[in-house]
Amino acid sequence: MNKQEIRDLMRFFDKSGINKVKIKDGEFSIELQKGYESAPVVMTEQAPVAQSVAPLSKSPTETKETVQIDKKSEGESIKSPMVGTFYMAPSPGSEPFVKVGTVVRKGQTIAIIEAMKIMNEIEAEFDCRITETLVDDGTPVEFNMPLYGVEKV
């Protein structure tokens, strides 16, 4: 399977009612599972997962953090094609793939998402300039979660 077929499979799996699937074809095998078998992950207050959650209604007790989350979700962005752990650089201590202000071309690697112990290079789907980083390095991300704010060029 190539990268695109795997991405398509993951999107289909994410939208389906199936909780676990394992595919084996010769030496290639892939296993997808929704949820966690281990202890649940404890998220800190700064967890980026909150970015994908919009408040149902604005209340008088709404915090500044909620306003920032709404602001970040507006406009163009590059979103996560899968669930996993987000990494900005190819290895710890290395320079990040992109920084704010970097102009990237379609197909250029912008990050890595680790899913099921597989490092998946995330590529830009269009030419753009990175305007903001929406996720901290080493944090869990969800499918379709904004990773970078961008401006198309």
C-alpha atoms as a PDB file:
ATOM      1  CA  MET A   1       0.000   0.000   0.000  1.00  0.00           C
ATOM      2  CA  ASN A   2       1.205   3.507  -0.718  1.00  0.00           C
ATOM      3  CA  LYS A   3       0.785   6.530   1.584  1.00  0.00           C
ATOM      4  CA  GLN A   4      -2.383   7.740  -0.130  1.00  0.00           C
ATOM      5  CA  GLU A   5      -4.064   4.313   0.098  1.00  0.00           C
ATOM      6  CA  ILE A   6      -3.195   4.163   3.804  1.00  0.00           C
ATOM      7  CA  ARG A   7      -4.586   7.681   4.360  1.00  0.00           C
ATOM      8  CA  ASP A   8      -7.783   6.749   2.498  1.00  0.00           C
ATOM      9  CA  LEU A   9      -8.073   3.581   4.591  1.00  0.00           C
ATOM     10  CA  MET A  10      -7.620   5.574   7.804  1.00  0.00           C
ATOM     11  CA  ARG A  11     -10.267   8.133   6.779  1.00  0.00           C
ATOM     12  CA  PHE A  12     -12.709   5.338   5.892  1.00  0.00           C
ATOM     13  CA  PHE A  13     -11.956   3.534   9.170  1.00  0.00           C
ATOM     14  CA  ASP A  14     -12.408   6.741  11.189  1.00  0.00           C
ATOM     15  CA  LYS A  15     -15.865   7.344   9.661  1.00  0.00           C
ATOM     16  CA  SER A  16     -16.993   3.709   9.919  1.00  0.00           C
ATOM     17  CA  GLY A  17     -18.602   1.917  12.856  1.00  0.00           C
ATOM     18  CA  ILE A  18     -15.687  -0.529  12.938  1.00  0.00           C
ATOM     19  CA  ASN A  19     -13.537  -0.392  16.096  1.00  0.00           C
ATOM     20  CA  LYS A  20     -10.616  -2.558  15.021  1.00  0.00           C
ATOM     21  CA  VAL A  21      -9.241  -3.892  11.743  1.00  0.00           C
ATOM     22  CA  LYS A  22      -6.073  -5.750  10.799  1.00  0.00           C
ATOM     23  CA  ILE A  23      -4.952  -6.129   7.183  1.00  0.00           C
ATOM     24  CA  LYS A  24      -2.120  -8.377   6.074  1.00  0.00           C
ATOM     25  CA  ASP A  25      -0.876  -8.680   2.504  1.00  0.00           C
ATOM     26  CA  GLY A  26       2.378 -10.592   2.158  1.00  0.00           C
ATOM     27  CA  GLU A  27       4.982  -8.844   4.306  1.00  0.00           C
ATOM     28  CA  PHE A  28       2.851  -5.702   4.677  1.00  0.00           C
ATOM     29  CA  SER A  29       0.425  -5.495   7.578  1.00  0.00           C
ATOM     30  CA  ILE A  30      -1.486  -2.674   9.217  1.00  0.00           C
ATOM     31  CA  GLU A  31      -3.704  -2.663  12.271  1.00  0.00           C
ATOM     32  CA  LEU A  32      -6.129   0.147  13.117  1.00  0.00           C
ATOM     33  CA  GLN A  33      -7.988   0.480  16.397  1.00  0.00           C
ATOM     34  CA  LYS A  34     -10.234   3.168  17.827  1.00  0.00           C
ATOM     35  CA  GLY A  35      -9.688   4.032  21.478  1.00  0.00           C
ATOM     36  CA  TYR A  36      -6.913   2.917  23.774  1.00  0.00           C
ATOM     37  CA  GLU A  37      -6.160  -0.430  25.375  1.00  0.00           C
ATOM     38  CA  SER A  38      -3.844   1.137  27.955  1.00  0.00           C
ATOM     39  CA  ALA A  39      -4.623   3.647  30.668  1.00  0.00           C
ATOM     40  CA  PRO A  40      -6.246   6.832  29.367  1.00  0.00           C
ATOM     41  CA  VAL A  41      -3.978   9.738  28.499  1.00  0.00           C
ATOM     42  CA  VAL A  42      -4.178  12.605  30.987  1.00  0.00           C
ATOM     43  CA  MET A  43      -4.338  15.946  29.207  1.00  0.00           C
ATOM     44  CA  THR A  44      -2.985  19.160  30.680  1.00  0.00           C
ATOM     45  CA  GLU A  45      -4.795  22.468  30.585  1.00  0.00           C
ATOM     46  CA  GLN A  46      -2.771  23.494  27.522  1.00  0.00           C
ATOM     47  CA  ALA A  47      -3.690  20.388  25.523  1.00  0.00           C
ATOM     48  CA  PRO A  48      -4.339  21.209  21.858  1.00  0.00           C
ATOM     49  CA  VAL A  49      -7.313  18.829  21.714  1.00  0.00           C
ATOM     50  CA  ALA A  50      -9.391  21.669  23.185  1.00  0.00           C
ATOM     51  CA  GLN A  51      -8.825  23.613  19.961  1.00  0.00           C
ATOM     52  CA  SER A  52     -11.201  21.357  18.079  1.00  0.00           C
ATOM     53  CA  VAL A  53     -13.989  21.904  20.621  1.00  0.00           C
ATOM     54  CA  ALA A  54     -16.082  25.020  20.142  1.00  0.00           C
ATOM     55  CA  PRO A  55     -18.352  26.284  22.914  1.00  0.00           C
ATOM     56  CA  LEU A  56     -22.069  25.715  22.345  1.00  0.00           C
ATOM     57  CA  SER A  57     -22.914  29.238  23.441  1.00  0.00           C
ATOM     58  CA  LYS A  58     -21.034  32.178  24.836  1.00  0.00           C
ATOM     59  CA  SER A  59     -21.693  32.753  28.496  1.00  0.00           C
ATOM     60  CA  PRO A  60     -20.772  35.662  30.765  1.00  0.00           C
ATOM     61  CA  THR A  61     -18.183  33.423  32.439  1.00  0.00           C
ATOM     62  CA  GLU A  62     -16.394  32.640  29.152  1.00  0.00           C
ATOM     63  CA  THR A  63     -12.617  32.725  29.545  1.00  0.00           C
ATOM     64  CA  LYS A  64      -9.976  34.372  27.369  1.00  0.00           C
ATOM     65  CA  GLU A  65      -8.692  30.900  26.464  1.00  0.00           C
ATOM     66  CA  THR A  66     -12.009  30.044  24.788  1.00  0.00           C
ATOM     67  CA  VAL A  67     -11.897  33.252  22.761  1.00  0.00           C
ATOM     68  CA  GLN A  68      -8.370  32.382  21.579  1.00  0.00           C
ATOM     69  CA  ILE A  69      -9.477  28.892  20.580  1.00  0.00           C
ATOM     70  CA  ASP A  70     -12.292  30.312  18.447  1.00  0.00           C
ATOM     71  CA  LYS A  71      -9.885  32.764  16.830  1.00  0.00           C
ATOM     72  CA  LYS A  72      -7.352  30.037  15.968  1.00  0.00           C
ATOM     73  CA  SER A  73      -9.957  27.840  14.307  1.00  0.00           C
ATOM     74  CA  GLU A  74     -10.867  30.577  11.805  1.00  0.00           C
ATOM     75  CA  GLY A  75      -9.139  30.954   8.443  1.00  0.00           C
ATOM     76  CA  GLU A  76      -6.918  28.616   6.453  1.00  0.00           C
ATOM     77  CA  SER A  77      -5.118  25.778   8.199  1.00  0.00           C
ATOM     78  CA  ILE A  78      -3.344  22.515   7.597  1.00  0.00           C
ATOM     79  CA  LYS A  79      -5.181  19.777   9.468  1.00  0.00           C
ATOM     80  CA  SER A  80      -4.123  16.426  10.827  1.00  0.00           C
ATOM     81  CA  PRO A  81      -4.976  13.536   8.489  1.00  0.00           C
ATOM     82  CA  MET A  82      -4.920  11.080  11.418  1.00  0.00           C
ATOM     83  CA  VAL A  83      -4.919  10.517  15.155  1.00  0.00           C
ATOM     84  CA  GLY A  84      -1.493  10.312  16.778  1.00  0.00           C
ATOM     85  CA  THR A  85       1.339  12.257  18.390  1.00  0.00           C
ATOM     86  CA  PHE A  86       2.480  15.432  16.626  1.00  0.00           C
ATOM     87  CA  TYR A  87       6.193  16.145  16.130  1.00  0.00           C
ATOM     88  CA  MET A  88       7.564  19.333  14.574  1.00  0.00           C
ATOM     89  CA  ALA A  89      11.057  17.911  13.831  1.00  0.00           C
ATOM     90  CA  PRO A  90      12.443  14.657  12.390  1.00  0.00           C
ATOM     91  CA  SER A  91      14.153  13.828  15.712  1.00  0.00           C
ATOM     92  CA  PRO A  92      14.532  15.320  19.207  1.00  0.00           C
ATOM     93  CA  GLY A  93      16.913  18.282  19.142  1.00  0.00           C
ATOM     94  CA  SER A  94      16.655  18.721  15.355  1.00  0.00           C
ATOM     95  CA  GLU A  95      15.435  21.888  13.677  1.00  0.00           C
ATOM     96  CA  PRO A  96      11.653  21.860  13.042  1.00  0.00           C
ATOM     97  CA  PHE A  97      10.458  21.151   9.505  1.00  0.00           C
ATOM     98  CA  VAL A  98       8.765  24.590   9.401  1.00  0.00           C
ATOM     99  CA  LYS A  99       8.559  27.744  11.526  1.00  0.00           C
ATOM    100  CA  VAL A 100       6.222  30.740  11.494  1.00  0.00           C
ATOM    101  CA  GLY A 101       6.979  32.652   8.300  1.00  0.00           C
ATOM    102  CA  THR A 102       8.238  29.622   6.367  1.00  0.00           C
ATOM    103  CA  VAL A 103       6.900  29.351   2.808  1.00  0.00           C
ATOM    104  CA  VAL A 104       6.144  25.717   1.975  1.00  0.00           C
ATOM    105  CA  ARG A 105       5.365  24.086  -1.345  1.00  0.00           C
ATOM    106  CA  LYS A 106       2.783  21.402  -2.017  1.00  0.00           C
ATOM    107  CA  GLY A 107       4.243  18.009  -1.040  1.00  0.00           C
ATOM    108  CA  GLN A 108       6.866  19.442   1.350  1.00  0.00           C
ATOM    109  CA  THR A 109       7.090  17.686   4.729  1.00  0.00           C
ATOM    110  CA  ILE A 110       5.826  19.959   7.504  1.00  0.00           C
ATOM    111  CA  ALA A 111       5.573  17.574  10.473  1.00  0.00           C
ATOM    112  CA  ILE A 112       5.466  13.960  11.613  1.00  0.00           C
ATOM    113  CA  ILE A 113       2.557  12.211  13.291  1.00  0.00           C
ATOM    114  CA  GLU A 114       3.328   9.005  15.123  1.00  0.00           C
ATOM    115  CA  ALA A 115       0.447   6.548  14.957  1.00  0.00           C
ATOM    116  CA  MET A 116       0.759   2.949  16.151  1.00  0.00           C
ATOM    117  CA  LYS A 117       4.554   3.326  16.398  1.00  0.00           C
ATOM    118  CA  ILE A 118       4.758   4.345  12.733  1.00  0.00           C
ATOM    119  CA  MET A 119       6.190   7.769  11.872  1.00  0.00           C
ATOM    120  CA  ASN A 120       3.991   9.360   9.181  1.00  0.00           C
ATOM    121  CA  GLU A 121       5.374  12.383   7.337  1.00  0.00           C
ATOM    122  CA  ILE A 122       2.710  15.050   6.941  1.00  0.00           C
ATOM    123  CA  GLU A 123       2.989  17.001   3.696  1.00  0.00           C
ATOM    124  CA  ALA A 124       1.545  20.364   2.710  1.00  0.00           C
ATOM    125  CA  GLU A 125      -1.477  19.912   0.451  1.00  0.00           C
ATOM    126  CA  PHE A 126      -0.963  23.331  -1.179  1.00  0.00           C
ATOM    127  CA  ASP A 127       1.579  26.158  -1.421  1.00  0.00           C
ATOM    128  CA  CYS A 128       1.351  28.380   1.655  1.00  0.00           C
ATOM    129  CA  ARG A 129       3.097  30.453   4.311  1.00  0.00           C
ATOM    130  CA  ILE A 130       2.973  29.255   7.942  1.00  0.00           C
ATOM    131  CA  THR A 131       1.327  32.003  10.027  1.00  0.00           C
ATOM    132  CA  GLU A 132       1.057  30.181  13.363  1.00  0.00           C
ATOM    133  CA  THR A 133       1.698  26.855  15.038  1.00  0.00           C
ATOM    134  CA  LEU A 134      -1.500  25.596  16.664  1.00  0.00           C
ATOM    135  CA  VAL A 135      -0.145  22.425  18.333  1.00  0.00           C
ATOM    136  CA  ASP A 136       2.757  21.942  20.739  1.00  0.00           C
ATOM    137  CA  ASP A 137       5.494  19.473  19.839  1.00  0.00           C
ATOM    138  CA  GLY A 138       4.926  15.976  21.276  1.00  0.00           C
ATOM    139  CA  THR A 139       1.213  16.386  21.995  1.00  0.00           C
ATOM    140  CA  PRO A 140      -1.654  14.120  20.917  1.00  0.00           C
ATOM    141  CA  VAL A 141      -3.726  15.246  17.929  1.00  0.00           C
ATOM    142  CA  GLU A 142      -7.101  14.176  16.584  1.00  0.00           C
ATOM    143  CA  PHE A 143      -8.221  13.560  13.009  1.00  0.00           C
ATOM    144  CA  ASN A 144      -8.921  16.836  11.154  1.00  0.00           C
ATOM    145  CA  MET A 145      -7.461  18.951  13.981  1.00  0.00           C
ATOM    146  CA  PRO A 146      -5.724  22.171  12.797  1.00  0.00           C
ATOM    147  CA  LEU A 147      -1.931  21.874  13.108  1.00  0.00           C
ATOM    148  CA  TYR A 148      -0.743  25.104  11.462  1.00  0.00           C
ATOM    149  CA  GLY A 149      -2.464  28.347  10.565  1.00  0.00           C
ATOM    150  CA  VAL A 150      -1.520  29.196   6.989  1.00  0.00           C
ATOM    151  CA  GLU A 151      -1.921  31.780   4.283  1.00  0.00           C
ATOM    152  CA  LYS A 152      -2.160  30.422   0.735  1.00  0.00           C
ATOM    153  CA  VAL A 153       0.434  31.802  -1.695  1.00  0.00           C
END
